[in-house]
Amino acid sequence: MFQYKEPLSNRNKAETGIRYEWYAMQRWGAKYWEDFNKPKIMYPNMTKYMPFYYDEKGFYQNDKSFMITGKHIPFLTAFLNSSLFKFCFRDNFPELLGGTRELRKIFFDKISVIKVSDEINNDFKREVTNLQSNYTREKATTIDRMLFDLYGLTEEERKVIGYIEIK
């Protein structure tokens, strides 16, 4: 370790404006590193698909993706992968070249999500975990129906939204 002391001590202060101790890492996410070990939703910055992944195994991700932590993460994962959200997604997230869309917090803030009980969250956890282990359209539509019921959508509203597969 000490063989690296001199080159590490000579790191460019102008790069960050901070002189770090020779053994310290620069730009380390010290304020949120424990979030990687929490149940979370992982998703990319830009995508053509809707890959919101529920993780409770503590996976790490790179700088081209984001994570969401908090309460009722399985329910939120189901919502973000649902036809209901995809219906909103088409109109609320900017389209980039090649048909990709940018998934940024500023656009998520515009979408209402209902609060659910721990019991309902557990129901969605079971369904999301099952869907992620072996995707089928039938499992995805089951989650859609559960969400349509929670949001109290009429049959007409359900038909307008339909089943939207962007996987």
N, C-alpha and C. Protein backbone atom coordinates (compact mmCIF):
# COMPACT_ATOMS: atom_id res chain seq x y z
N MET A 1 0.82 -1.19 0.00
CA MET A 1 0.00 0.00 0.00
C MET A 1 0.87 1.26 0.00
N PHE A 2 1.90 1.30 0.79
CA PHE A 2 2.72 2.51 0.90
C PHE A 2 3.50 2.82 -0.36
N GLN A 3 3.65 1.84 -1.26
CA GLN A 3 4.35 2.12 -2.52
C GLN A 3 3.56 3.10 -3.38
N TYR A 4 2.27 3.30 -3.10
CA TYR A 4 1.43 4.21 -3.87
C TYR A 4 1.30 5.58 -3.23
N LYS A 5 1.91 5.77 -2.04
CA LYS A 5 1.73 7.02 -1.30
C LYS A 5 2.15 8.24 -2.11
N GLU A 6 3.33 8.21 -2.72
CA GLU A 6 3.81 9.40 -3.43
C GLU A 6 2.93 9.75 -4.63
N PRO A 7 2.62 8.79 -5.53
CA PRO A 7 1.76 9.19 -6.66
C PRO A 7 0.37 9.64 -6.22
N LEU A 8 -0.15 9.01 -5.18
CA LEU A 8 -1.47 9.40 -4.69
C LEU A 8 -1.43 10.76 -4.00
N SER A 9 -0.36 11.07 -3.35
CA SER A 9 -0.20 12.38 -2.71
C SER A 9 -0.12 13.49 -3.73
N ASN A 10 0.30 13.18 -4.93
CA ASN A 10 0.48 14.18 -5.98
C ASN A 10 -0.76 14.37 -6.86
N ARG A 11 -1.87 13.81 -6.45
CA ARG A 11 -3.08 13.99 -7.24
C ARG A 11 -3.39 15.47 -7.42
N ASN A 12 -3.99 15.78 -8.51
CA ASN A 12 -4.24 17.16 -8.89
C ASN A 12 -5.39 17.77 -8.08
N LYS A 13 -5.06 18.71 -7.20
CA LYS A 13 -6.07 19.39 -6.40
C LYS A 13 -7.03 20.19 -7.29
N ALA A 14 -6.54 20.70 -8.40
CA ALA A 14 -7.37 21.49 -9.30
C ALA A 14 -8.52 20.68 -9.89
N GLU A 15 -8.35 19.37 -9.94
CA GLU A 15 -9.39 18.51 -10.51
C GLU A 15 -10.66 18.55 -9.68
N THR A 16 -10.53 18.54 -8.38
CA THR A 16 -11.70 18.49 -7.51
C THR A 16 -11.83 19.70 -6.59
N GLY A 17 -10.77 20.49 -6.47
CA GLY A 17 -10.79 21.62 -5.54
C GLY A 17 -10.52 21.21 -4.11
N ILE A 18 -10.27 19.93 -3.91
CA ILE A 18 -10.06 19.40 -2.56
C ILE A 18 -8.76 18.61 -2.56
N ARG A 19 -7.96 18.81 -1.55
CA ARG A 19 -6.75 18.00 -1.39
C ARG A 19 -7.12 16.84 -0.46
N TYR A 20 -7.14 15.64 -1.03
CA TYR A 20 -7.47 14.45 -0.26
C TYR A 20 -6.21 13.89 0.39
N GLU A 21 -6.38 13.20 1.49
CA GLU A 21 -5.27 12.43 2.05
C GLU A 21 -4.87 11.41 0.99
N TRP A 22 -3.65 11.01 0.99
CA TRP A 22 -3.14 10.13 -0.06
C TRP A 22 -3.90 8.82 -0.12
N TYR A 23 -4.47 8.36 0.98
CA TYR A 23 -5.15 7.07 1.04
C TYR A 23 -6.66 7.18 0.79
N ALA A 24 -7.16 8.39 0.61
CA ALA A 24 -8.60 8.59 0.43
C ALA A 24 -9.00 8.48 -1.04
N MET A 25 -10.20 7.94 -1.26
CA MET A 25 -10.73 7.86 -2.62
C MET A 25 -11.42 9.17 -2.97
N GLN A 26 -11.31 9.59 -4.21
CA GLN A 26 -11.98 10.80 -4.66
C GLN A 26 -13.37 10.48 -5.18
N ARG A 27 -14.28 11.42 -5.01
CA ARG A 27 -15.65 11.32 -5.52
C ARG A 27 -16.37 10.06 -5.05
N TRP A 28 -16.10 9.62 -3.88
CA TRP A 28 -16.76 8.45 -3.33
C TRP A 28 -18.15 8.83 -2.86
N GLY A 29 -19.13 8.01 -3.13
CA GLY A 29 -20.51 8.30 -2.76
C GLY A 29 -20.78 7.98 -1.30
N ALA A 30 -20.05 8.58 -0.41
CA ALA A 30 -20.13 8.26 1.01
C ALA A 30 -21.51 8.50 1.59
N LYS A 31 -22.26 9.41 1.01
CA LYS A 31 -23.56 9.74 1.58
C LYS A 31 -24.64 8.72 1.25
N TYR A 32 -24.40 7.89 0.26
CA TYR A 32 -25.45 6.95 -0.12
C TYR A 32 -24.96 5.52 -0.35
N TRP A 33 -23.75 5.21 0.02
CA TRP A 33 -23.21 3.88 -0.29
C TRP A 33 -24.02 2.76 0.36
N GLU A 34 -24.63 3.00 1.51
CA GLU A 34 -25.42 1.95 2.16
C GLU A 34 -26.71 1.65 1.42
N ASP A 35 -27.17 2.59 0.59
CA ASP A 35 -28.40 2.37 -0.18
C ASP A 35 -28.28 1.19 -1.14
N PHE A 36 -27.06 0.89 -1.58
CA PHE A 36 -26.88 -0.25 -2.48
C PHE A 36 -27.28 -1.57 -1.82
N ASN A 37 -27.22 -1.64 -0.51
CA ASN A 37 -27.56 -2.86 0.21
C ASN A 37 -29.02 -2.93 0.60
N LYS A 38 -29.77 -1.87 0.38
CA LYS A 38 -31.20 -1.83 0.70
C LYS A 38 -32.00 -2.38 -0.48
N PRO A 39 -33.23 -2.82 -0.24
CA PRO A 39 -34.11 -3.12 -1.37
C PRO A 39 -34.25 -1.85 -2.20
N LYS A 40 -34.15 -2.00 -3.52
CA LYS A 40 -34.15 -0.83 -4.38
C LYS A 40 -34.69 -1.18 -5.76
N ILE A 41 -35.01 -0.14 -6.49
CA ILE A 41 -35.35 -0.26 -7.91
C ILE A 41 -34.15 0.25 -8.67
N MET A 42 -33.70 -0.53 -9.64
CA MET A 42 -32.59 -0.14 -10.50
C MET A 42 -33.14 0.11 -11.89
N TYR A 43 -32.68 1.20 -12.53
CA TYR A 43 -33.13 1.49 -13.89
C TYR A 43 -32.10 2.33 -14.62
N PRO A 44 -32.08 2.26 -15.96
CA PRO A 44 -31.10 3.01 -16.74
C PRO A 44 -31.49 4.47 -16.93
N ASN A 45 -30.53 5.28 -17.30
CA ASN A 45 -30.76 6.69 -17.58
C ASN A 45 -31.59 6.87 -18.85
N MET A 46 -31.26 6.14 -19.90
CA MET A 46 -31.97 6.22 -21.17
C MET A 46 -32.31 4.82 -21.65
N THR A 47 -33.51 4.65 -22.22
CA THR A 47 -33.93 3.32 -22.62
C THR A 47 -35.06 3.36 -23.64
N LYS A 48 -35.18 2.29 -24.40
CA LYS A 48 -36.34 2.06 -25.26
C LYS A 48 -37.35 1.18 -24.51
N TYR A 49 -36.89 0.56 -23.46
CA TYR A 49 -37.66 -0.46 -22.75
C TYR A 49 -38.01 0.05 -21.35
N MET A 50 -38.70 -0.75 -20.62
CA MET A 50 -39.09 -0.39 -19.26
C MET A 50 -38.46 -1.37 -18.26
N PRO A 51 -37.18 -1.27 -18.08
CA PRO A 51 -36.50 -2.24 -17.24
C PRO A 51 -36.32 -1.79 -15.79
N PHE A 52 -37.40 -1.61 -15.07
CA PHE A 52 -37.29 -1.28 -13.66
C PHE A 52 -37.15 -2.60 -12.91
N TYR A 53 -36.00 -2.78 -12.27
CA TYR A 53 -35.68 -4.06 -11.64
C TYR A 53 -35.70 -3.94 -10.12
N TYR A 54 -36.46 -4.81 -9.48
CA TYR A 54 -36.50 -4.86 -8.02
C TYR A 54 -35.32 -5.70 -7.54
N ASP A 55 -34.48 -5.09 -6.70
CA ASP A 55 -33.29 -5.77 -6.19
C ASP A 55 -33.29 -5.76 -4.68
N GLU A 56 -33.18 -6.93 -4.10
CA GLU A 56 -32.99 -7.04 -2.65
C GLU A 56 -31.73 -7.85 -2.33
N LYS A 57 -30.87 -8.04 -3.34
CA LYS A 57 -29.64 -8.80 -3.17
C LYS A 57 -28.41 -7.92 -2.99
N GLY A 58 -28.58 -6.61 -3.09
CA GLY A 58 -27.47 -5.69 -2.91
C GLY A 58 -26.59 -5.52 -4.13
N PHE A 59 -27.18 -5.60 -5.32
CA PHE A 59 -26.42 -5.39 -6.54
C PHE A 59 -25.91 -3.94 -6.61
N TYR A 60 -24.76 -3.78 -7.24
CA TYR A 60 -24.22 -2.45 -7.51
C TYR A 60 -24.47 -2.13 -8.98
N GLN A 61 -24.41 -0.86 -9.31
CA GLN A 61 -24.68 -0.46 -10.68
C GLN A 61 -23.69 0.62 -11.09
N ASN A 62 -23.66 0.93 -12.38
CA ASN A 62 -22.69 1.90 -12.87
C ASN A 62 -23.29 3.30 -12.93
N ASP A 63 -22.52 4.22 -13.50
CA ASP A 63 -22.93 5.62 -13.54
C ASP A 63 -23.97 5.93 -14.62
N LYS A 64 -24.40 4.97 -15.37
CA LYS A 64 -25.42 5.17 -16.40
C LYS A 64 -26.78 4.67 -15.94
N SER A 65 -26.92 4.50 -14.64
CA SER A 65 -28.18 4.02 -14.11
C SER A 65 -28.48 4.70 -12.78
N PHE A 66 -29.70 4.54 -12.34
CA PHE A 66 -30.16 5.15 -11.10
C PHE A 66 -30.77 4.09 -10.21
N MET A 67 -31.01 4.48 -8.95
CA MET A 67 -31.73 3.59 -8.04
C MET A 67 -32.71 4.41 -7.21
N ILE A 68 -33.76 3.73 -6.80
CA ILE A 68 -34.77 4.33 -5.93
C ILE A 68 -34.86 3.44 -4.70
N THR A 69 -34.76 4.03 -3.53
CA THR A 69 -34.95 3.31 -2.28
C THR A 69 -36.12 3.95 -1.55
N GLY A 70 -36.59 3.30 -0.53
CA GLY A 70 -37.67 3.86 0.27
C GLY A 70 -38.63 2.78 0.70
N LYS A 71 -39.84 3.21 0.97
CA LYS A 71 -40.87 2.29 1.46
C LYS A 71 -41.68 1.75 0.27
N HIS A 72 -42.10 0.51 0.39
CA HIS A 72 -42.97 -0.14 -0.60
C HIS A 72 -42.35 -0.18 -2.00
N ILE A 73 -41.10 -0.54 -2.05
CA ILE A 73 -40.36 -0.63 -3.30
C ILE A 73 -40.92 -1.70 -4.24
N PRO A 74 -41.35 -2.88 -3.75
CA PRO A 74 -41.95 -3.85 -4.68
C PRO A 74 -43.19 -3.29 -5.39
N PHE A 75 -44.06 -2.60 -4.66
CA PHE A 75 -45.24 -2.01 -5.29
C PHE A 75 -44.82 -0.99 -6.34
N LEU A 76 -43.86 -0.13 -5.99
CA LEU A 76 -43.42 0.89 -6.94
C LEU A 76 -42.79 0.25 -8.18
N THR A 77 -42.06 -0.85 -8.00
CA THR A 77 -41.50 -1.57 -9.16
C THR A 77 -42.61 -2.06 -10.07
N ALA A 78 -43.65 -2.64 -9.47
CA ALA A 78 -44.79 -3.12 -10.26
C ALA A 78 -45.43 -1.96 -11.01
N PHE A 79 -45.63 -0.85 -10.32
CA PHE A 79 -46.24 0.33 -10.95
C PHE A 79 -45.39 0.82 -12.13
N LEU A 80 -44.08 0.93 -11.92
CA LEU A 80 -43.20 1.48 -12.97
C LEU A 80 -43.08 0.56 -14.18
N ASN A 81 -43.34 -0.73 -14.00
CA ASN A 81 -43.30 -1.68 -15.12
C ASN A 81 -44.69 -1.94 -15.71
N SER A 82 -45.70 -1.30 -15.18
CA SER A 82 -47.09 -1.58 -15.58
C SER A 82 -47.50 -0.86 -16.85
N SER A 83 -48.59 -1.35 -17.43
CA SER A 83 -49.18 -0.68 -18.59
C SER A 83 -49.69 0.71 -18.20
N LEU A 84 -50.15 0.87 -16.99
CA LEU A 84 -50.63 2.17 -16.52
C LEU A 84 -49.50 3.20 -16.58
N PHE A 85 -48.32 2.83 -16.07
CA PHE A 85 -47.18 3.75 -16.13
C PHE A 85 -46.70 3.94 -17.57
N LYS A 86 -46.66 2.88 -18.33
CA LYS A 86 -46.20 2.97 -19.72
C LYS A 86 -47.10 3.91 -20.53
N PHE A 87 -48.38 3.91 -20.20
CA PHE A 87 -49.33 4.82 -20.85
C PHE A 87 -48.91 6.26 -20.57
N CYS A 88 -48.51 6.54 -19.33
CA CYS A 88 -48.01 7.87 -18.95
C CYS A 88 -46.62 8.13 -19.53
N PHE A 89 -45.80 7.13 -19.54
CA PHE A 89 -44.40 7.22 -19.98
C PHE A 89 -44.29 7.78 -21.38
N ARG A 90 -45.14 7.34 -22.26
CA ARG A 90 -45.06 7.77 -23.65
C ARG A 90 -45.22 9.28 -23.79
N ASP A 91 -46.04 9.87 -22.94
CA ASP A 91 -46.34 11.29 -23.08
C ASP A 91 -45.54 12.21 -22.15
N ASN A 92 -44.88 11.66 -21.14
CA ASN A 92 -44.24 12.50 -20.14
C ASN A 92 -42.71 12.46 -20.12
N PHE A 93 -42.11 11.56 -20.84
CA PHE A 93 -40.66 11.48 -20.85
C PHE A 93 -40.17 11.82 -22.26
N PRO A 94 -39.19 12.71 -22.36
CA PRO A 94 -38.75 13.17 -23.68
C PRO A 94 -38.16 12.05 -24.53
N GLU A 95 -38.55 12.05 -25.79
CA GLU A 95 -38.01 11.06 -26.72
C GLU A 95 -36.71 11.60 -27.31
N LEU A 96 -35.70 10.74 -27.34
CA LEU A 96 -34.39 11.08 -27.88
C LEU A 96 -34.22 10.37 -29.21
N LEU A 97 -33.07 10.52 -29.83
CA LEU A 97 -32.79 9.84 -31.09
C LEU A 97 -32.93 8.32 -30.94
N GLY A 98 -33.40 7.69 -31.98
CA GLY A 98 -33.51 6.23 -31.98
C GLY A 98 -34.67 5.69 -31.17
N GLY A 99 -35.60 6.54 -30.77
CA GLY A 99 -36.76 6.07 -30.03
C GLY A 99 -36.51 5.81 -28.56
N THR A 100 -35.36 6.23 -28.05
CA THR A 100 -35.10 6.06 -26.62
C THR A 100 -35.77 7.18 -25.84
N ARG A 101 -35.94 6.95 -24.57
CA ARG A 101 -36.52 7.96 -23.68
C ARG A 101 -35.57 8.18 -22.51
N GLU A 102 -35.61 9.39 -21.99
CA GLU A 102 -34.76 9.74 -20.86
C GLU A 102 -35.56 9.63 -19.57
N LEU A 103 -35.05 8.84 -18.64
CA LEU A 103 -35.73 8.63 -17.37
C LEU A 103 -35.04 9.46 -16.28
N ARG A 104 -35.54 10.65 -16.06
CA ARG A 104 -34.97 11.55 -15.07
C ARG A 104 -36.00 11.87 -13.99
N LYS A 105 -35.50 12.15 -12.80
CA LYS A 105 -36.35 12.43 -11.65
C LYS A 105 -37.36 13.54 -11.92
N ILE A 106 -36.95 14.57 -12.61
CA ILE A 106 -37.84 15.69 -12.88
C ILE A 106 -39.12 15.25 -13.59
N PHE A 107 -39.03 14.20 -14.40
CA PHE A 107 -40.20 13.69 -15.11
C PHE A 107 -41.01 12.73 -14.23
N PHE A 108 -40.34 11.99 -13.36
CA PHE A 108 -41.05 11.10 -12.43
C PHE A 108 -41.91 11.90 -11.46
N ASP A 109 -41.45 13.08 -11.07
CA ASP A 109 -42.16 13.89 -10.09
C ASP A 109 -43.56 14.28 -10.55
N LYS A 110 -43.83 14.20 -11.83
CA LYS A 110 -45.13 14.61 -12.38
C LYS A 110 -46.16 13.49 -12.32
N ILE A 111 -45.75 12.28 -11.98
CA ILE A 111 -46.65 11.12 -12.02
C ILE A 111 -47.10 10.75 -10.61
N SER A 112 -48.41 10.69 -10.42
CA SER A 112 -48.97 10.36 -9.11
C SER A 112 -48.95 8.86 -8.87
N VAL A 113 -48.54 8.50 -7.68
CA VAL A 113 -48.53 7.10 -7.27
C VAL A 113 -49.28 7.03 -5.94
N ILE A 114 -50.24 6.12 -5.84
CA ILE A 114 -50.99 6.01 -4.60
C ILE A 114 -50.14 5.37 -3.50
N LYS A 115 -50.51 5.65 -2.27
CA LYS A 115 -49.86 5.00 -1.13
C LYS A 115 -50.60 3.70 -0.86
N VAL A 116 -49.81 2.66 -0.53
CA VAL A 116 -50.42 1.35 -0.27
C VAL A 116 -50.02 0.86 1.11
N SER A 117 -50.76 -0.12 1.58
CA SER A 117 -50.47 -0.73 2.88
C SER A 117 -49.32 -1.72 2.75
N ASP A 118 -48.78 -2.13 3.88
CA ASP A 118 -47.73 -3.15 3.87
C ASP A 118 -48.25 -4.45 3.27
N GLU A 119 -49.50 -4.77 3.54
CA GLU A 119 -50.09 -6.01 3.01
C GLU A 119 -50.15 -5.98 1.48
N ILE A 120 -50.60 -4.87 0.93
CA ILE A 120 -50.67 -4.75 -0.53
C ILE A 120 -49.26 -4.78 -1.12
N ASN A 121 -48.32 -4.10 -0.48
CA ASN A 121 -46.94 -4.13 -0.93
C ASN A 121 -46.41 -5.56 -0.98
N ASN A 122 -46.73 -6.36 0.04
CA ASN A 122 -46.28 -7.76 0.07
C ASN A 122 -46.90 -8.57 -1.05
N ASP A 123 -48.16 -8.28 -1.39
CA ASP A 123 -48.79 -8.95 -2.54
C ASP A 123 -48.03 -8.64 -3.82
N PHE A 124 -47.65 -7.39 -4.00
CA PHE A 124 -46.89 -7.00 -5.20
C PHE A 124 -45.47 -7.55 -5.16
N LYS A 125 -44.90 -7.66 -3.98
CA LYS A 125 -43.55 -8.24 -3.88
C LYS A 125 -43.55 -9.67 -4.42
N ARG A 126 -44.55 -10.42 -4.02
CA ARG A 126 -44.68 -11.81 -4.50
C ARG A 126 -44.81 -11.84 -6.03
N GLU A 127 -45.66 -10.98 -6.57
CA GLU A 127 -45.90 -10.97 -8.01
C GLU A 127 -44.67 -10.49 -8.79
N VAL A 128 -44.02 -9.43 -8.31
CA VAL A 128 -42.85 -8.88 -9.00
C VAL A 128 -41.70 -9.88 -8.98
N THR A 129 -41.46 -10.49 -7.83
CA THR A 129 -40.39 -11.49 -7.71
C THR A 129 -40.65 -12.66 -8.65
N ASN A 130 -41.89 -13.10 -8.71
CA ASN A 130 -42.27 -14.19 -9.60
C ASN A 130 -42.08 -13.79 -11.06
N LEU A 131 -42.49 -12.58 -11.42
CA LEU A 131 -42.35 -12.10 -12.80
C LEU A 131 -40.88 -11.98 -13.20
N GLN A 132 -40.05 -11.45 -12.31
CA GLN A 132 -38.63 -11.27 -12.62
C GLN A 132 -37.89 -12.60 -12.74
N SER A 133 -38.37 -13.61 -12.06
CA SER A 133 -37.69 -14.91 -12.16
C SER A 133 -38.06 -15.65 -13.44
N ASN A 134 -39.25 -15.36 -13.98
CA ASN A 134 -39.69 -16.04 -15.20
C ASN A 134 -40.79 -15.21 -15.86
N TYR A 135 -40.39 -14.28 -16.74
CA TYR A 135 -41.35 -13.38 -17.36
C TYR A 135 -42.32 -14.11 -18.26
N THR A 136 -43.60 -13.82 -18.07
CA THR A 136 -44.64 -14.21 -19.03
C THR A 136 -45.63 -13.05 -19.14
N ARG A 137 -46.28 -12.97 -20.26
CA ARG A 137 -47.28 -11.91 -20.46
C ARG A 137 -48.41 -12.07 -19.45
N GLU A 138 -48.78 -13.30 -19.16
CA GLU A 138 -49.86 -13.56 -18.20
C GLU A 138 -49.53 -12.97 -16.82
N LYS A 139 -48.29 -13.15 -16.37
CA LYS A 139 -47.89 -12.59 -15.07
C LYS A 139 -47.91 -11.07 -15.11
N ALA A 140 -47.47 -10.48 -16.22
CA ALA A 140 -47.47 -9.03 -16.35
C ALA A 140 -48.89 -8.47 -16.35
N THR A 141 -49.81 -9.15 -17.02
CA THR A 141 -51.20 -8.68 -17.05
C THR A 141 -51.88 -8.85 -15.70
N THR A 142 -51.46 -9.84 -14.93
CA THR A 142 -51.98 -10.00 -13.57
C THR A 142 -51.63 -8.77 -12.74
N ILE A 143 -50.38 -8.32 -12.85
CA ILE A 143 -49.96 -7.12 -12.13
C ILE A 143 -50.73 -5.90 -12.63
N ASP A 144 -50.92 -5.79 -13.95
CA ASP A 144 -51.72 -4.70 -14.49
C ASP A 144 -53.12 -4.69 -13.89
N ARG A 145 -53.76 -5.84 -13.85
CA ARG A 145 -55.13 -5.93 -13.30
C ARG A 145 -55.14 -5.51 -11.83
N MET A 146 -54.14 -5.95 -11.07
CA MET A 146 -54.05 -5.56 -9.66
C MET A 146 -53.96 -4.04 -9.53
N LEU A 147 -53.16 -3.42 -10.37
CA LEU A 147 -53.00 -1.96 -10.33
C LEU A 147 -54.26 -1.25 -10.80
N PHE A 148 -54.87 -1.74 -11.86
CA PHE A 148 -56.11 -1.14 -12.35
C PHE A 148 -57.17 -1.17 -11.24
N ASP A 149 -57.23 -2.28 -10.51
CA ASP A 149 -58.19 -2.39 -9.40
C ASP A 149 -57.87 -1.37 -8.30
N LEU A 150 -56.59 -1.26 -7.93
CA LEU A 150 -56.20 -0.31 -6.89
C LEU A 150 -56.53 1.13 -7.27
N TYR A 151 -56.33 1.46 -8.53
CA TYR A 151 -56.61 2.82 -8.99
C TYR A 151 -58.09 3.02 -9.33
N GLY A 152 -58.89 1.96 -9.21
CA GLY A 152 -60.32 2.08 -9.45
C GLY A 152 -60.68 2.44 -10.87
N LEU A 153 -59.93 1.92 -11.84
CA LEU A 153 -60.20 2.24 -13.24
C LEU A 153 -61.46 1.54 -13.73
N THR A 154 -62.23 2.24 -14.54
CA THR A 154 -63.42 1.66 -15.14
C THR A 154 -63.00 0.72 -16.27
N GLU A 155 -63.95 -0.07 -16.75
CA GLU A 155 -63.66 -0.96 -17.88
C GLU A 155 -63.24 -0.17 -19.11
N GLU A 156 -63.88 0.97 -19.32
CA GLU A 156 -63.54 1.81 -20.47
C GLU A 156 -62.10 2.32 -20.34
N GLU A 157 -61.72 2.78 -19.15
CA GLU A 157 -60.36 3.26 -18.94
C GLU A 157 -59.34 2.14 -19.14
N ARG A 158 -59.68 0.95 -18.68
CA ARG A 158 -58.79 -0.20 -18.85
C ARG A 158 -58.59 -0.52 -20.33
N LYS A 159 -59.66 -0.38 -21.12
CA LYS A 159 -59.56 -0.64 -22.56
C LYS A 159 -58.70 0.41 -23.25
N VAL A 160 -58.84 1.67 -22.83
CA VAL A 160 -58.04 2.74 -23.43
C VAL A 160 -56.55 2.48 -23.18
N ILE A 161 -56.23 2.10 -21.95
CA ILE A 161 -54.82 1.83 -21.62
C ILE A 161 -54.37 0.53 -22.26
N GLY A 162 -55.17 -0.51 -22.14
CA GLY A 162 -54.82 -1.82 -22.72
C GLY A 162 -53.60 -2.42 -22.07
N TYR A 163 -53.02 -3.38 -22.75
CA TYR A 163 -51.78 -3.99 -22.28
C TYR A 163 -50.67 -3.47 -23.17
N ILE A 164 -49.71 -2.80 -22.58
CA ILE A 164 -48.60 -2.21 -23.32
C ILE A 164 -47.34 -2.98 -22.95
N GLU A 165 -46.79 -3.65 -23.92
CA GLU A 165 -45.58 -4.44 -23.67
C GLU A 165 -44.35 -3.70 -24.20
N ILE A 166 -43.60 -3.17 -23.27
CA ILE A 166 -42.29 -2.57 -23.58
C ILE A 166 -41.34 -3.22 -22.59
N LYS A 167 -40.72 -4.30 -23.00
CA LYS A 167 -39.88 -5.01 -22.03
C LYS A 167 -38.44 -4.97 -22.42
